[in-house]
Amino acid sequence: MFAMSVEVQIREPYRDQVRAARIRLAVQTVLHQQGAEGDVTVLITDDDEVAELNRRYMDKQGPTDVLSFPAVVEDEYFVMPPGEAPYLGDIIIALPYTIRQAASRHTSLQAELDLLAIHGTLHLLGYDHDTPTGKAEMWALQDVILCTLPDEA
């Protein structure tokens, strides 16, 4: 069994609004429930940074709530050192966007962050919602995982 690390980076203006331990727990819960092992980085940032990443890598304009960047290594010559956990990728969350989204859904910021951390992690594991079947499967998994998270952590 590999050691698993979830690094949560929070940009300065948002550090008092986000609980890194809770984000870490949401990501680890997904990995555990999916039987996945590996390291993940989560960045909590502003709308402008996410909009730039969205434009550059997804060819879409404007910010979004969450972006996931899987770290898939398909080089047949690259081999992970024994005992090293694979790096699964990065999850980027736009906090101002998330705050507005939580308000429009009449939910708490923490509940919205839980959902986005779970959603982003599922993307790192290969799940997608680009088809009705994929969306139904991903949304069902999100619901199951959300139900297993404790109310406070």
N, C-alpha and C. Protein backbone atom coordinates (compact mmCIF):
# COMPACT_ATOMS: atom_id res chain seq x y z
N MET A 1 0.85 -1.18 0.00
CA MET A 1 0.00 0.00 0.00
C MET A 1 0.89 1.24 0.00
N PHE A 2 0.57 2.17 -0.88
CA PHE A 2 1.33 3.40 -0.99
C PHE A 2 0.89 4.41 0.06
N ALA A 3 1.80 5.28 0.43
CA ALA A 3 1.41 6.43 1.24
C ALA A 3 0.67 7.38 0.30
N MET A 4 -0.32 8.06 0.81
CA MET A 4 -1.12 8.96 -0.01
C MET A 4 -1.01 10.35 0.60
N SER A 5 -0.75 11.34 -0.24
CA SER A 5 -0.74 12.69 0.29
C SER A 5 -1.66 13.58 -0.53
N VAL A 6 -2.34 14.45 0.17
CA VAL A 6 -3.20 15.45 -0.46
C VAL A 6 -2.71 16.79 0.05
N GLU A 7 -2.11 17.55 -0.84
CA GLU A 7 -1.62 18.88 -0.48
C GLU A 7 -2.68 19.90 -0.86
N VAL A 8 -3.06 20.73 0.10
CA VAL A 8 -4.06 21.77 -0.15
C VAL A 8 -3.35 23.12 -0.03
N GLN A 9 -3.36 23.85 -1.13
CA GLN A 9 -2.77 25.18 -1.16
C GLN A 9 -3.91 26.19 -1.28
N ILE A 10 -3.88 27.19 -0.41
CA ILE A 10 -4.95 28.19 -0.40
C ILE A 10 -4.29 29.55 -0.58
N ARG A 11 -4.68 30.26 -1.63
CA ARG A 11 -4.14 31.61 -1.85
C ARG A 11 -4.48 32.50 -0.66
N GLU A 12 -3.61 33.43 -0.39
CA GLU A 12 -3.66 34.28 0.80
C GLU A 12 -5.03 34.88 1.14
N PRO A 13 -5.73 35.50 0.21
CA PRO A 13 -6.98 36.15 0.66
C PRO A 13 -8.07 35.19 1.11
N TYR A 14 -7.89 33.88 0.88
CA TYR A 14 -8.96 32.92 1.16
C TYR A 14 -8.66 31.97 2.31
N ARG A 15 -7.53 32.12 2.94
CA ARG A 15 -7.11 31.16 3.96
C ARG A 15 -8.05 31.07 5.15
N ASP A 16 -8.72 32.15 5.48
CA ASP A 16 -9.64 32.11 6.63
C ASP A 16 -11.04 31.59 6.26
N GLN A 17 -11.28 31.33 4.97
CA GLN A 17 -12.59 30.87 4.53
C GLN A 17 -12.63 29.38 4.21
N VAL A 18 -11.47 28.75 4.10
CA VAL A 18 -11.40 27.35 3.66
C VAL A 18 -10.65 26.53 4.69
N ARG A 19 -11.20 25.37 5.01
CA ARG A 19 -10.55 24.44 5.93
C ARG A 19 -9.81 23.38 5.13
N ALA A 20 -8.50 23.49 5.10
CA ALA A 20 -7.68 22.56 4.32
C ALA A 20 -7.92 21.11 4.74
N ALA A 21 -8.08 20.87 6.03
CA ALA A 21 -8.29 19.50 6.51
C ALA A 21 -9.56 18.90 5.93
N ARG A 22 -10.60 19.69 5.76
CA ARG A 22 -11.86 19.20 5.23
C ARG A 22 -11.71 18.85 3.73
N ILE A 23 -11.01 19.71 2.99
CA ILE A 23 -10.76 19.44 1.57
C ILE A 23 -9.96 18.13 1.44
N ARG A 24 -8.94 18.02 2.27
CA ARG A 24 -8.09 16.82 2.27
C ARG A 24 -8.94 15.57 2.54
N LEU A 25 -9.83 15.65 3.53
CA LEU A 25 -10.69 14.52 3.87
C LEU A 25 -11.60 14.13 2.70
N ALA A 26 -12.16 15.10 2.01
CA ALA A 26 -13.04 14.81 0.87
C ALA A 26 -12.28 14.08 -0.22
N VAL A 27 -11.08 14.54 -0.53
CA VAL A 27 -10.26 13.89 -1.57
C VAL A 27 -9.87 12.48 -1.13
N GLN A 28 -9.41 12.35 0.10
CA GLN A 28 -9.00 11.03 0.60
C GLN A 28 -10.17 10.05 0.64
N THR A 29 -11.37 10.54 0.92
CA THR A 29 -12.55 9.68 0.95
C THR A 29 -12.83 9.11 -0.44
N VAL A 30 -12.71 9.95 -1.46
CA VAL A 30 -12.91 9.47 -2.83
C VAL A 30 -11.87 8.41 -3.17
N LEU A 31 -10.61 8.70 -2.88
CA LEU A 31 -9.54 7.76 -3.22
C LEU A 31 -9.76 6.43 -2.50
N HIS A 32 -10.12 6.50 -1.23
CA HIS A 32 -10.36 5.28 -0.46
C HIS A 32 -11.53 4.49 -1.04
N GLN A 33 -12.64 5.16 -1.29
CA GLN A 33 -13.83 4.46 -1.78
C GLN A 33 -13.64 3.90 -3.19
N GLN A 34 -12.76 4.51 -3.95
CA GLN A 34 -12.51 4.04 -5.31
C GLN A 34 -11.32 3.06 -5.38
N GLY A 35 -10.69 2.81 -4.22
CA GLY A 35 -9.55 1.90 -4.20
C GLY A 35 -8.35 2.46 -4.95
N ALA A 36 -8.26 3.77 -5.00
CA ALA A 36 -7.17 4.43 -5.72
C ALA A 36 -6.10 4.89 -4.74
N GLU A 37 -4.89 4.92 -5.22
CA GLU A 37 -3.77 5.39 -4.42
C GLU A 37 -3.01 6.43 -5.22
N GLY A 38 -2.53 7.44 -4.54
CA GLY A 38 -1.74 8.44 -5.23
C GLY A 38 -1.83 9.78 -4.54
N ASP A 39 -1.03 10.69 -5.04
CA ASP A 39 -0.93 12.03 -4.48
C ASP A 39 -1.74 13.01 -5.33
N VAL A 40 -2.31 14.00 -4.64
CA VAL A 40 -3.15 15.00 -5.29
C VAL A 40 -2.80 16.36 -4.69
N THR A 41 -2.83 17.39 -5.53
CA THR A 41 -2.70 18.76 -5.06
C THR A 41 -4.00 19.49 -5.36
N VAL A 42 -4.50 20.24 -4.37
CA VAL A 42 -5.70 21.06 -4.54
C VAL A 42 -5.28 22.51 -4.32
N LEU A 43 -5.64 23.38 -5.26
CA LEU A 43 -5.37 24.81 -5.14
C LEU A 43 -6.69 25.56 -5.07
N ILE A 44 -6.82 26.38 -4.03
CA ILE A 44 -7.97 27.27 -3.88
C ILE A 44 -7.48 28.65 -4.29
N THR A 45 -8.11 29.23 -5.32
CA THR A 45 -7.62 30.48 -5.87
C THR A 45 -8.77 31.38 -6.29
N ASP A 46 -8.47 32.39 -7.11
CA ASP A 46 -9.50 33.36 -7.52
C ASP A 46 -10.06 33.03 -8.90
N ASP A 47 -11.09 33.77 -9.28
CA ASP A 47 -11.74 33.56 -10.57
C ASP A 47 -10.80 33.84 -11.74
N ASP A 48 -9.95 34.87 -11.62
CA ASP A 48 -9.07 35.24 -12.73
C ASP A 48 -8.08 34.13 -13.05
N GLU A 49 -7.49 33.52 -12.03
CA GLU A 49 -6.53 32.45 -12.28
C GLU A 49 -7.22 31.24 -12.92
N VAL A 50 -8.40 30.91 -12.45
CA VAL A 50 -9.14 29.79 -13.03
C VAL A 50 -9.59 30.12 -14.46
N ALA A 51 -10.01 31.36 -14.71
CA ALA A 51 -10.41 31.76 -16.06
C ALA A 51 -9.24 31.62 -17.02
N GLU A 52 -8.05 31.99 -16.59
CA GLU A 52 -6.86 31.87 -17.44
C GLU A 52 -6.54 30.40 -17.73
N LEU A 53 -6.61 29.55 -16.71
CA LEU A 53 -6.38 28.11 -16.92
C LEU A 53 -7.46 27.52 -17.82
N ASN A 54 -8.70 27.94 -17.63
CA ASN A 54 -9.82 27.46 -18.43
C ASN A 54 -9.61 27.85 -19.90
N ARG A 55 -9.15 29.07 -20.14
CA ARG A 55 -8.89 29.53 -21.51
C ARG A 55 -7.71 28.77 -22.12
N ARG A 56 -6.63 28.67 -21.36
CA ARG A 56 -5.40 28.09 -21.88
C ARG A 56 -5.52 26.58 -22.15
N TYR A 57 -6.14 25.85 -21.22
CA TYR A 57 -6.13 24.39 -21.33
C TYR A 57 -7.44 23.77 -21.79
N MET A 58 -8.55 24.47 -21.59
CA MET A 58 -9.85 23.91 -21.96
C MET A 58 -10.47 24.64 -23.15
N ASP A 59 -9.82 25.73 -23.57
CA ASP A 59 -10.30 26.55 -24.69
C ASP A 59 -11.71 27.09 -24.42
N LYS A 60 -11.95 27.46 -23.16
CA LYS A 60 -13.24 28.02 -22.75
C LYS A 60 -12.99 29.38 -22.10
N GLN A 61 -13.96 30.28 -22.26
CA GLN A 61 -13.83 31.62 -21.73
C GLN A 61 -14.46 31.72 -20.34
N GLY A 62 -13.83 32.49 -19.47
CA GLY A 62 -14.38 32.79 -18.16
C GLY A 62 -14.02 31.74 -17.11
N PRO A 63 -14.34 32.08 -15.87
CA PRO A 63 -14.05 31.15 -14.77
C PRO A 63 -15.08 30.03 -14.71
N THR A 64 -14.75 29.02 -13.97
CA THR A 64 -15.66 27.93 -13.65
C THR A 64 -15.41 27.55 -12.21
N ASP A 65 -16.18 26.65 -11.66
CA ASP A 65 -16.02 26.31 -10.25
C ASP A 65 -14.78 25.47 -9.99
N VAL A 66 -14.56 24.42 -10.81
CA VAL A 66 -13.44 23.51 -10.55
C VAL A 66 -12.86 23.01 -11.87
N LEU A 67 -11.55 22.89 -11.89
CA LEU A 67 -10.83 22.29 -13.01
C LEU A 67 -9.98 21.15 -12.45
N SER A 68 -9.86 20.09 -13.22
CA SER A 68 -9.01 18.97 -12.83
C SER A 68 -8.01 18.71 -13.95
N PHE A 69 -6.77 18.47 -13.54
CA PHE A 69 -5.71 18.19 -14.48
C PHE A 69 -5.05 16.88 -14.10
N PRO A 70 -5.53 15.77 -14.69
CA PRO A 70 -4.93 14.47 -14.37
C PRO A 70 -3.47 14.42 -14.83
N ALA A 71 -2.66 13.77 -14.05
CA ALA A 71 -1.24 13.60 -14.38
C ALA A 71 -1.04 12.19 -14.88
N VAL A 72 -1.42 11.98 -16.12
CA VAL A 72 -1.32 10.65 -16.72
C VAL A 72 0.04 10.53 -17.38
N VAL A 73 0.79 9.54 -16.95
CA VAL A 73 2.09 9.27 -17.55
C VAL A 73 1.93 8.06 -18.46
N GLU A 74 2.07 8.31 -19.75
CA GLU A 74 1.90 7.22 -20.71
C GLU A 74 3.22 6.85 -21.36
N ASP A 75 4.32 7.24 -20.79
CA ASP A 75 5.64 6.93 -21.32
C ASP A 75 6.04 5.53 -20.85
N GLU A 76 6.20 4.63 -21.80
CA GLU A 76 6.53 3.25 -21.43
C GLU A 76 7.89 3.14 -20.76
N TYR A 77 8.72 4.17 -20.87
CA TYR A 77 10.05 4.13 -20.28
C TYR A 77 10.10 4.70 -18.88
N PHE A 78 8.99 5.36 -18.46
CA PHE A 78 8.95 5.93 -17.12
C PHE A 78 8.38 4.89 -16.16
N VAL A 79 9.12 4.60 -15.13
CA VAL A 79 8.67 3.65 -14.12
C VAL A 79 8.75 4.33 -12.76
N MET A 80 7.66 4.24 -12.00
CA MET A 80 7.65 4.80 -10.65
C MET A 80 8.64 4.02 -9.78
N PRO A 81 9.40 4.72 -8.95
CA PRO A 81 10.28 4.02 -8.02
C PRO A 81 9.44 3.14 -7.08
N PRO A 82 9.96 2.00 -6.67
CA PRO A 82 9.21 1.12 -5.76
C PRO A 82 8.82 1.87 -4.49
N GLY A 83 7.58 1.67 -4.07
CA GLY A 83 7.09 2.29 -2.84
C GLY A 83 6.63 3.72 -3.00
N GLU A 84 6.74 4.28 -4.20
CA GLU A 84 6.30 5.66 -4.43
C GLU A 84 4.87 5.67 -4.94
N ALA A 85 4.06 6.54 -4.36
CA ALA A 85 2.68 6.70 -4.83
C ALA A 85 2.69 7.47 -6.14
N PRO A 86 1.84 7.10 -7.07
CA PRO A 86 1.76 7.87 -8.32
C PRO A 86 1.15 9.25 -8.04
N TYR A 87 1.53 10.21 -8.87
CA TYR A 87 0.92 11.53 -8.76
C TYR A 87 -0.32 11.52 -9.64
N LEU A 88 -1.49 11.74 -9.04
CA LEU A 88 -2.75 11.66 -9.77
C LEU A 88 -3.10 12.96 -10.49
N GLY A 89 -2.71 14.11 -9.93
CA GLY A 89 -2.99 15.36 -10.62
C GLY A 89 -3.38 16.49 -9.70
N ASP A 90 -3.87 17.55 -10.33
CA ASP A 90 -4.20 18.81 -9.65
C ASP A 90 -5.68 19.13 -9.79
N ILE A 91 -6.22 19.69 -8.73
CA ILE A 91 -7.60 20.19 -8.72
C ILE A 91 -7.52 21.68 -8.38
N ILE A 92 -8.14 22.51 -9.20
CA ILE A 92 -8.11 23.96 -9.00
C ILE A 92 -9.54 24.42 -8.77
N ILE A 93 -9.78 25.11 -7.66
CA ILE A 93 -11.12 25.59 -7.32
C ILE A 93 -11.09 27.12 -7.22
N ALA A 94 -12.03 27.76 -7.91
CA ALA A 94 -12.18 29.23 -7.86
C ALA A 94 -13.12 29.56 -6.69
N LEU A 95 -12.56 30.11 -5.62
CA LEU A 95 -13.38 30.34 -4.43
C LEU A 95 -14.47 31.38 -4.64
N PRO A 96 -14.21 32.54 -5.25
CA PRO A 96 -15.31 33.50 -5.44
C PRO A 96 -16.47 32.90 -6.25
N TYR A 97 -16.15 32.15 -7.30
CA TYR A 97 -17.17 31.48 -8.10
C TYR A 97 -17.95 30.50 -7.24
N THR A 98 -17.23 29.76 -6.42
CA THR A 98 -17.84 28.75 -5.55
C THR A 98 -18.76 29.41 -4.52
N ILE A 99 -18.35 30.54 -3.99
CA ILE A 99 -19.19 31.27 -3.03
C ILE A 99 -20.51 31.69 -3.69
N ARG A 100 -20.42 32.23 -4.90
CA ARG A 100 -21.64 32.64 -5.63
C ARG A 100 -22.51 31.43 -5.94
N GLN A 101 -21.87 30.33 -6.33
CA GLN A 101 -22.62 29.12 -6.67
C GLN A 101 -23.33 28.55 -5.44
N ALA A 102 -22.65 28.54 -4.31
CA ALA A 102 -23.26 28.06 -3.07
C ALA A 102 -24.49 28.91 -2.72
N ALA A 103 -24.35 30.22 -2.86
CA ALA A 103 -25.48 31.12 -2.55
C ALA A 103 -26.66 30.86 -3.49
N SER A 104 -26.37 30.65 -4.77
CA SER A 104 -27.46 30.42 -5.73
C SER A 104 -28.14 29.07 -5.51
N ARG A 105 -27.42 28.12 -4.93
CA ARG A 105 -27.99 26.79 -4.64
C ARG A 105 -28.54 26.70 -3.22
N HIS A 106 -28.40 27.79 -2.48
CA HIS A 106 -28.88 27.83 -1.09
C HIS A 106 -28.22 26.73 -0.25
N THR A 107 -26.91 26.61 -0.40
CA THR A 107 -26.14 25.63 0.37
C THR A 107 -24.97 26.35 1.02
N SER A 108 -24.33 25.69 1.94
CA SER A 108 -23.18 26.32 2.61
C SER A 108 -21.95 26.26 1.72
N LEU A 109 -21.03 27.16 1.98
CA LEU A 109 -19.76 27.14 1.26
C LEU A 109 -19.06 25.81 1.47
N GLN A 110 -19.08 25.29 2.70
CA GLN A 110 -18.40 24.02 2.97
C GLN A 110 -19.01 22.88 2.17
N ALA A 111 -20.33 22.83 2.08
CA ALA A 111 -20.98 21.78 1.30
C ALA A 111 -20.58 21.87 -0.17
N GLU A 112 -20.49 23.09 -0.69
CA GLU A 112 -20.10 23.28 -2.09
C GLU A 112 -18.64 22.88 -2.30
N LEU A 113 -17.78 23.22 -1.36
CA LEU A 113 -16.37 22.82 -1.46
C LEU A 113 -16.21 21.30 -1.38
N ASP A 114 -16.99 20.66 -0.51
CA ASP A 114 -16.97 19.19 -0.43
C ASP A 114 -17.30 18.60 -1.79
N LEU A 115 -18.39 19.09 -2.40
CA LEU A 115 -18.82 18.59 -3.69
C LEU A 115 -17.74 18.79 -4.75
N LEU A 116 -17.14 19.97 -4.79
CA LEU A 116 -16.14 20.26 -5.82
C LEU A 116 -14.87 19.44 -5.63
N ALA A 117 -14.46 19.23 -4.38
CA ALA A 117 -13.28 18.40 -4.13
C ALA A 117 -13.54 16.96 -4.58
N ILE A 118 -14.73 16.46 -4.30
CA ILE A 118 -15.11 15.11 -4.73
C ILE A 118 -15.20 15.04 -6.25
N HIS A 119 -15.87 16.00 -6.84
CA HIS A 119 -16.03 16.07 -8.29
C HIS A 119 -14.67 16.10 -8.99
N GLY A 120 -13.80 16.98 -8.53
CA GLY A 120 -12.48 17.10 -9.13
C GLY A 120 -11.66 15.83 -9.00
N THR A 121 -11.76 15.17 -7.86
CA THR A 121 -11.02 13.92 -7.65
C THR A 121 -11.54 12.82 -8.56
N LEU A 122 -12.84 12.74 -8.73
CA LEU A 122 -13.40 11.75 -9.65
C LEU A 122 -12.89 11.98 -11.08
N HIS A 123 -12.77 13.25 -11.48
CA HIS A 123 -12.18 13.53 -12.79
C HIS A 123 -10.75 13.01 -12.87
N LEU A 124 -9.97 13.20 -11.81
CA LEU A 124 -8.59 12.70 -11.82
C LEU A 124 -8.54 11.19 -11.99
N LEU A 125 -9.59 10.52 -11.53
CA LEU A 125 -9.65 9.05 -11.62
C LEU A 125 -10.28 8.56 -12.92
N GLY A 126 -10.60 9.51 -13.82
CA GLY A 126 -11.08 9.12 -15.13
C GLY A 126 -12.57 9.23 -15.35
N TYR A 127 -13.32 9.64 -14.36
CA TYR A 127 -14.76 9.82 -14.53
C TYR A 127 -15.03 11.11 -15.28
N ASP A 128 -16.10 11.11 -16.06
CA ASP A 128 -16.47 12.33 -16.78
C ASP A 128 -17.99 12.38 -16.92
N HIS A 129 -18.48 13.54 -17.29
CA HIS A 129 -19.93 13.73 -17.41
C HIS A 129 -20.27 14.27 -18.80
N ASP A 130 -19.54 13.80 -19.80
CA ASP A 130 -19.76 14.26 -21.16
C ASP A 130 -20.82 13.46 -21.91
N THR A 131 -21.34 12.41 -21.29
CA THR A 131 -22.45 11.65 -21.85
C THR A 131 -23.51 11.49 -20.75
N PRO A 132 -24.74 11.24 -21.12
CA PRO A 132 -25.77 11.04 -20.08
C PRO A 132 -25.42 9.88 -19.14
N THR A 133 -24.88 8.80 -19.67
CA THR A 133 -24.51 7.66 -18.82
C THR A 133 -23.37 8.03 -17.88
N GLY A 134 -22.35 8.70 -18.42
CA GLY A 134 -21.22 9.12 -17.59
C GLY A 134 -21.64 10.10 -16.51
N LYS A 135 -22.52 11.01 -16.88
CA LYS A 135 -23.02 11.99 -15.91
C LYS A 135 -23.80 11.29 -14.80
N ALA A 136 -24.67 10.37 -15.16
CA ALA A 136 -25.46 9.66 -14.15
C ALA A 136 -24.56 8.88 -13.20
N GLU A 137 -23.54 8.23 -13.75
CA GLU A 137 -22.62 7.46 -12.92
C GLU A 137 -21.81 8.38 -11.99
N MET A 138 -21.31 9.47 -12.54
CA MET A 138 -20.49 10.39 -11.74
C MET A 138 -21.32 11.06 -10.65
N TRP A 139 -22.54 11.50 -11.00
CA TRP A 139 -23.40 12.16 -10.01
C TRP A 139 -23.80 11.18 -8.90
N ALA A 140 -24.06 9.94 -9.26
CA ALA A 140 -24.41 8.92 -8.25
C ALA A 140 -23.23 8.68 -7.31
N LEU A 141 -22.03 8.59 -7.84
CA LEU A 141 -20.84 8.41 -7.00
C LEU A 141 -20.64 9.61 -6.07
N GLN A 142 -20.81 10.81 -6.62
CA GLN A 142 -20.68 12.01 -5.79
C GLN A 142 -21.65 11.96 -4.62
N ASP A 143 -22.89 11.58 -4.89
CA ASP A 143 -23.90 11.53 -3.84
C ASP A 143 -23.53 10.51 -2.76
N VAL A 144 -23.06 9.34 -3.17
CA VAL A 144 -22.66 8.31 -2.21
C VAL A 144 -21.51 8.81 -1.34
N ILE A 145 -20.52 9.41 -1.97
CA ILE A 145 -19.34 9.87 -1.23
C ILE A 145 -19.72 11.03 -0.30
N LEU A 146 -20.54 11.95 -0.79
CA LEU A 146 -20.99 13.06 0.06
C LEU A 146 -21.70 12.55 1.32
N CYS A 147 -22.48 11.50 1.17
CA CYS A 147 -23.21 10.94 2.31
C CYS A 147 -22.29 10.29 3.34
N THR A 148 -21.10 9.94 2.94
CA THR A 148 -20.18 9.28 3.88
C THR A 148 -19.30 10.29 4.63
N LEU A 149 -19.26 11.52 4.17
CA LEU A 149 -18.46 12.52 4.86
C LEU A 149 -19.14 12.93 6.16
N PRO A 150 -18.39 13.03 7.24
CA PRO A 150 -18.98 13.51 8.49
C PRO A 150 -19.42 14.96 8.35
N ASP A 151 -20.39 15.37 9.15
CA ASP A 151 -20.87 16.75 9.09
C ASP A 151 -19.75 17.75 9.37
N GLU A 152 -18.90 17.45 10.29
CA GLU A 152 -17.79 18.34 10.62
C GLU A 152 -16.51 17.54 10.68
N ALA A 153 -15.48 18.07 10.07
CA ALA A 153 -14.15 17.41 10.15
C ALA A 153 -13.08 18.45 10.02
